[in-house]
Amino acid sequence: MSCEFDPLYIAYLVYFNRDRDYFECHEVLEELWLEKDREPVYKGLLQVAVGLFHFRNGTVNSAYNKRLGAIKMLKSSLRKLQTHSHHSLGIDLQQLMADVREYMERLEHYEQEPFDFYPLDIRITDPLLYKAVQAGYKKIAPHVPLRLGYERGPKAKELHND
């Protein structure tokens, strides 16, 4: 795929690979998903980030189980991603799906074999996208500290109106 890439998609890849800022990944890709008439592949990529966010930032208790939330999001992401070409969007989608499957399997056996959170990488295969993401690394400042809650969009308005 050699064409112009949406700035929101580029931002998603910067936040995912460089910053591991899965909350911001969700925020920017949700905007793109809505702009693209809820295209499933964007929802799938968004859900990969949400699954990682849940596992890294959640807790395991009766009120909220980070492991179950992560599994739910990762399973849903695979259903959406598997319908797309492995060359879709200038990334190695097959490798990402394999990595997500492995993560999900480890989470399913977490109680027997606990492990610490580890990030995933999205391998960029399109040279133009790679160049655009490298430029994005210079233009897009990381959020320090990482945001753990909503600051914009409809969910933020709900929180601030309470």
Protein backbone atom coordinates (compact mmCIF):
# COMPACT_ATOMS: atom_id res chain seq x y z
CA MET A 1 0.00 0.00 0.00
CA SER A 2 1.83 3.08 -1.18
CA CYS A 3 -0.28 6.18 -0.75
CA GLU A 4 -0.85 8.90 1.79
CA PHE A 5 -1.67 7.67 5.25
CA ASP A 6 -4.13 9.33 7.57
CA PRO A 7 -2.40 11.38 10.30
CA LEU A 8 -4.54 9.65 12.95
CA TYR A 9 -3.30 6.25 11.79
CA ILE A 10 0.29 7.48 11.88
CA ALA A 11 -0.28 8.85 15.39
CA TYR A 12 -1.70 5.47 16.45
CA LEU A 13 1.47 3.72 15.28
CA VAL A 14 3.68 6.29 17.03
CA TYR A 15 1.79 5.92 20.31
CA PHE A 16 1.71 2.12 19.99
CA ASN A 17 5.33 1.40 19.03
CA ARG A 18 7.26 4.30 20.55
CA ASP A 19 5.31 5.37 23.60
CA ARG A 20 3.30 2.27 24.51
CA ASP A 21 0.53 4.78 25.18
CA TYR A 22 -2.40 2.47 24.60
CA PHE A 23 -4.93 4.94 25.97
CA GLU A 24 -3.95 7.53 23.37
CA CYS A 25 -3.92 4.79 20.71
CA HIS A 26 -7.58 4.23 21.52
CA GLU A 27 -8.36 7.94 21.40
CA VAL A 28 -6.81 8.63 17.98
CA LEU A 29 -7.95 5.44 16.31
CA GLU A 30 -11.50 5.85 17.58
CA GLU A 31 -11.60 9.19 15.74
CA LEU A 32 -10.38 7.52 12.54
CA TRP A 33 -12.75 4.57 12.97
CA LEU A 34 -15.70 6.97 13.17
CA GLU A 35 -14.46 8.95 10.16
CA LYS A 36 -14.13 5.71 8.15
CA ASP A 37 -17.72 4.58 8.79
CA ARG A 38 -16.71 2.17 11.55
CA GLU A 39 -14.36 0.11 9.38
CA PRO A 40 -13.73 -3.15 11.32
CA VAL A 41 -9.95 -3.22 10.82
CA TYR A 42 -9.58 0.08 12.69
CA LYS A 43 -11.79 -1.25 15.49
CA GLY A 44 -9.59 -4.36 15.64
CA LEU A 45 -6.40 -2.32 15.91
CA LEU A 46 -8.04 -0.11 18.52
CA GLN A 47 -9.01 -3.19 20.54
CA VAL A 48 -5.45 -4.54 20.54
CA ALA A 49 -4.38 -1.32 22.27
CA VAL A 50 -7.33 -1.47 24.68
CA GLY A 51 -6.51 -5.08 25.59
CA LEU A 52 -2.90 -4.15 26.38
CA PHE A 53 -4.09 -1.09 28.32
CA HIS A 54 -6.40 -3.23 30.46
CA PHE A 55 -3.73 -5.78 31.29
CA ARG A 56 -1.01 -3.22 32.05
CA ASN A 57 -3.12 -0.78 34.08
CA GLY A 58 -5.84 -2.90 35.62
CA THR A 59 -6.12 -4.95 38.76
CA VAL A 60 -7.28 -8.46 39.42
CA ASN A 61 -10.15 -8.36 41.87
CA SER A 62 -13.87 -9.04 41.97
CA ALA A 63 -14.76 -5.50 40.84
CA TYR A 64 -12.47 -5.53 37.80
CA ASN A 65 -10.28 -8.28 36.46
CA LYS A 66 -7.64 -6.88 34.13
CA ARG A 67 -6.91 -10.30 32.69
CA LEU A 68 -10.52 -10.98 31.67
CA GLY A 69 -10.91 -7.47 30.22
CA ALA A 70 -7.74 -7.92 28.17
CA ILE A 71 -8.81 -11.35 26.90
CA LYS A 72 -12.20 -10.00 25.85
CA MET A 73 -10.64 -7.12 23.88
CA LEU A 74 -7.93 -9.26 22.26
CA LYS A 75 -10.44 -11.93 21.15
CA SER A 76 -12.66 -9.26 19.66
CA SER A 77 -9.69 -7.67 17.89
CA LEU A 78 -8.76 -10.96 16.23
CA ARG A 79 -12.30 -11.45 14.89
CA LYS A 80 -12.12 -8.04 13.23
CA LEU A 81 -8.53 -8.27 11.97
CA GLN A 82 -8.69 -11.75 10.47
CA THR A 83 -10.99 -10.61 7.67
CA HIS A 84 -8.38 -8.24 6.22
CA SER A 85 -5.55 -8.83 3.81
CA HIS A 86 -2.20 -9.42 5.45
CA HIS A 87 -0.88 -6.46 3.46
CA SER A 88 -3.63 -4.18 4.73
CA LEU A 89 -2.63 -0.74 6.01
CA GLY A 90 1.11 -1.10 5.41
CA ILE A 91 1.74 -3.28 8.47
CA ASP A 92 2.46 -6.96 9.04
CA LEU A 93 -1.07 -7.80 10.11
CA GLN A 94 -0.38 -11.55 10.16
CA GLN A 95 2.47 -11.09 12.65
CA LEU A 96 0.38 -8.79 14.81
CA MET A 97 -2.44 -11.33 14.90
CA ALA A 98 0.02 -14.11 15.81
CA ASP A 99 1.41 -11.94 18.62
CA VAL A 100 -2.11 -11.16 19.87
CA ARG A 101 -3.04 -14.88 19.82
CA GLU A 102 0.06 -15.74 21.84
CA TYR A 103 -0.66 -12.96 24.35
CA MET A 104 -4.24 -14.11 24.68
CA GLU A 105 -3.18 -17.73 25.26
CA ARG A 106 -0.76 -16.61 27.96
CA LEU A 107 -3.51 -14.55 29.59
CA GLU A 108 -5.85 -17.54 29.52
CA HIS A 109 -3.26 -19.48 31.58
CA TYR A 110 -2.28 -16.51 33.73
CA GLU A 111 -3.45 -18.05 37.01
CA GLN A 112 -1.19 -21.07 36.47
CA GLU A 113 1.70 -19.08 34.98
CA PRO A 114 1.55 -15.36 35.89
CA PHE A 115 3.72 -12.98 33.89
CA ASP A 116 4.48 -9.30 33.82
CA PHE A 117 3.02 -7.03 31.18
CA TYR A 118 5.09 -6.78 28.01
CA PRO A 119 4.42 -4.57 24.99
CA LEU A 120 3.79 -5.68 21.43
CA ASP A 121 5.20 -4.03 18.32
CA ILE A 122 3.43 -3.45 15.03
CA ARG A 123 5.89 -4.12 12.22
CA ILE A 124 5.58 -1.55 9.44
CA THR A 125 6.04 -3.06 5.97
CA ASP A 126 5.25 -0.13 3.68
CA PRO A 127 8.29 2.13 3.14
CA LEU A 128 6.18 5.29 2.85
CA LEU A 129 4.33 4.49 6.06
CA TYR A 130 7.63 3.75 7.78
CA LYS A 131 8.93 7.15 6.70
CA ALA A 132 5.72 8.88 7.84
CA VAL A 133 5.90 7.19 11.27
CA GLN A 134 9.56 8.16 11.64
CA ALA A 135 8.57 11.76 10.89
CA GLY A 136 5.73 11.37 13.41
CA TYR A 137 8.26 10.40 16.08
CA LYS A 138 9.73 13.89 15.70
CA LYS A 139 6.41 15.77 15.48
CA ILE A 140 4.26 13.97 18.05
CA ALA A 141 5.26 14.61 21.65
CA PRO A 142 4.72 11.75 24.09
CA HIS A 143 2.28 12.22 26.95
CA VAL A 144 4.30 12.30 30.14
CA PRO A 145 2.97 10.92 32.32
CA LEU A 146 0.75 8.58 30.34
CA ARG A 147 -2.94 9.40 30.59
CA LEU A 148 -5.03 6.78 32.32
CA GLY A 149 -8.44 8.41 31.84
CA TYR A 150 -10.58 10.34 29.39
CA GLU A 151 -9.73 13.99 28.73
CA ARG A 152 -11.60 14.56 25.46
CA GLY A 153 -14.57 13.21 23.57
CA PRO A 154 -18.00 12.16 24.80
CA LYS A 155 -16.73 10.04 27.70
CA ALA A 156 -14.76 12.98 29.10
CA LYS A 157 -17.86 15.17 28.92
CA GLU A 158 -19.81 12.56 30.88
CA LEU A 159 -17.15 12.45 33.58
CA HIS A 160 -16.87 16.23 33.87
CA ASN A 161 -20.64 16.78 33.99
CA ASP A 162 -21.09 14.58 37.08
